[in-house]
Protein backbone atom coordinates (compact mmCIF):
# COMPACT_ATOMS: atom_id res chain seq x y z
CA MET A 1 -6.27 15.86 31.23
CA GLY A 2 -5.46 12.27 30.21
CA PHE A 3 -6.15 13.10 26.57
CA LEU A 4 -3.68 15.99 26.60
CA VAL A 5 -1.03 13.82 28.24
CA SER A 6 -1.61 11.16 25.56
CA ILE A 7 -1.07 13.76 22.83
CA LEU A 8 2.09 15.04 24.53
CA VAL A 9 3.45 11.53 25.02
CA GLY A 10 2.49 10.64 21.45
CA ALA A 11 4.23 13.73 20.09
CA VAL A 12 7.46 12.99 21.94
CA ALA A 13 7.42 9.27 21.10
CA GLY A 14 6.57 9.88 17.44
CA TRP A 15 9.29 12.51 17.13
CA LEU A 16 11.88 10.19 18.70
CA ALA A 17 10.84 7.30 16.46
CA ASP A 18 11.05 9.59 13.42
CA LEU A 19 14.60 10.49 14.45
CA VAL A 20 15.55 6.80 14.62
CA PHE A 21 14.08 6.05 11.19
CA LYS A 22 15.36 9.02 9.20
CA ARG A 23 14.18 7.59 5.89
CA PHE A 24 10.60 8.24 7.00
CA SER A 25 10.20 11.98 7.40
CA PHE A 26 6.66 12.59 8.61
CA SER A 27 4.79 15.75 9.53
CA LEU A 28 4.14 16.61 13.15
CA ILE A 29 0.53 15.39 12.97
CA VAL A 30 1.63 12.02 11.59
CA GLN A 31 4.34 11.81 14.27
CA ILE A 32 1.74 12.43 16.99
CA LEU A 33 -0.62 9.82 15.53
CA LEU A 34 2.26 7.39 15.16
CA GLY A 35 3.25 7.96 18.78
CA ILE A 36 -0.31 7.46 20.02
CA ALA A 37 -0.62 4.25 17.98
CA GLY A 38 2.82 3.26 19.26
CA GLY A 39 1.63 3.82 22.81
CA PHE A 40 -1.25 1.45 22.20
CA VAL A 41 1.00 -1.18 20.60
CA GLY A 42 3.67 -0.75 23.26
CA ARG A 43 1.10 -1.07 26.05
CA LEU A 44 -0.20 -4.29 24.49
CA ILE A 45 3.30 -5.76 24.21
CA PHE A 46 5.07 -4.43 27.31
CA GLY A 47 2.20 -3.65 29.68
CA GLY A 48 1.25 -0.30 31.17
CA ASP A 49 3.48 2.04 33.16
CA THR A 50 2.12 4.95 35.13
CA SER A 51 5.20 7.20 35.07
CA LEU A 52 5.53 9.75 32.29
CA ILE A 53 8.98 8.50 31.28
CA GLY A 54 7.68 4.91 31.19
CA GLN A 55 4.77 5.96 28.99
CA ILE A 56 7.10 7.78 26.60
CA LEU A 57 9.48 4.80 26.39
CA THR A 58 6.61 2.37 25.86
CA ALA A 59 5.06 4.57 23.15
CA PHE A 60 8.49 5.03 21.55
CA ALA A 61 9.08 1.27 21.44
CA GLY A 62 5.63 0.74 19.93
CA ALA A 63 6.19 3.48 17.35
CA VAL A 64 9.55 1.95 16.38
CA ILE A 65 7.84 -1.42 15.94
CA ILE A 66 5.18 0.19 13.71
CA LEU A 67 7.84 1.98 11.64
CA PHE A 68 9.87 -1.23 11.31
CA ILE A 69 6.83 -3.12 10.03
CA ALA A 70 5.97 -0.24 7.67
CA GLY A 71 9.54 -0.38 6.34
CA LEU A 72 9.25 -4.10 5.72
CA ILE A 73 5.97 -3.62 3.88
CA LYS A 74 7.24 -0.68 1.87
CA GLY A 75 10.49 -2.49 1.09
CA SER A 76 8.64 -5.55 -0.19
CA GLN A 77 6.70 -3.50 -2.73
CA LYS A 78 8.38 -3.27 -6.11
CA THR A 79 8.52 0.04 -7.93
CA VAL A 80 7.56 -0.21 -11.59
């Protein structure tokens, strides 16, 4: 059951983060993976929360951090 909740939380958080950063338009699978990774990053930075809303907000914050860093990396690369 915890795995399914992680996927649901990841999907919601990844979708919300994708809405914030409109220049990155990812597929649903990438959004879910981004949200799950964001949940891990958010839990490392902000600590764990047991409520569903807290988990979504933590995963969203982590996903936004990941997208921000990806934007910095992608922006620093020069197109030839």
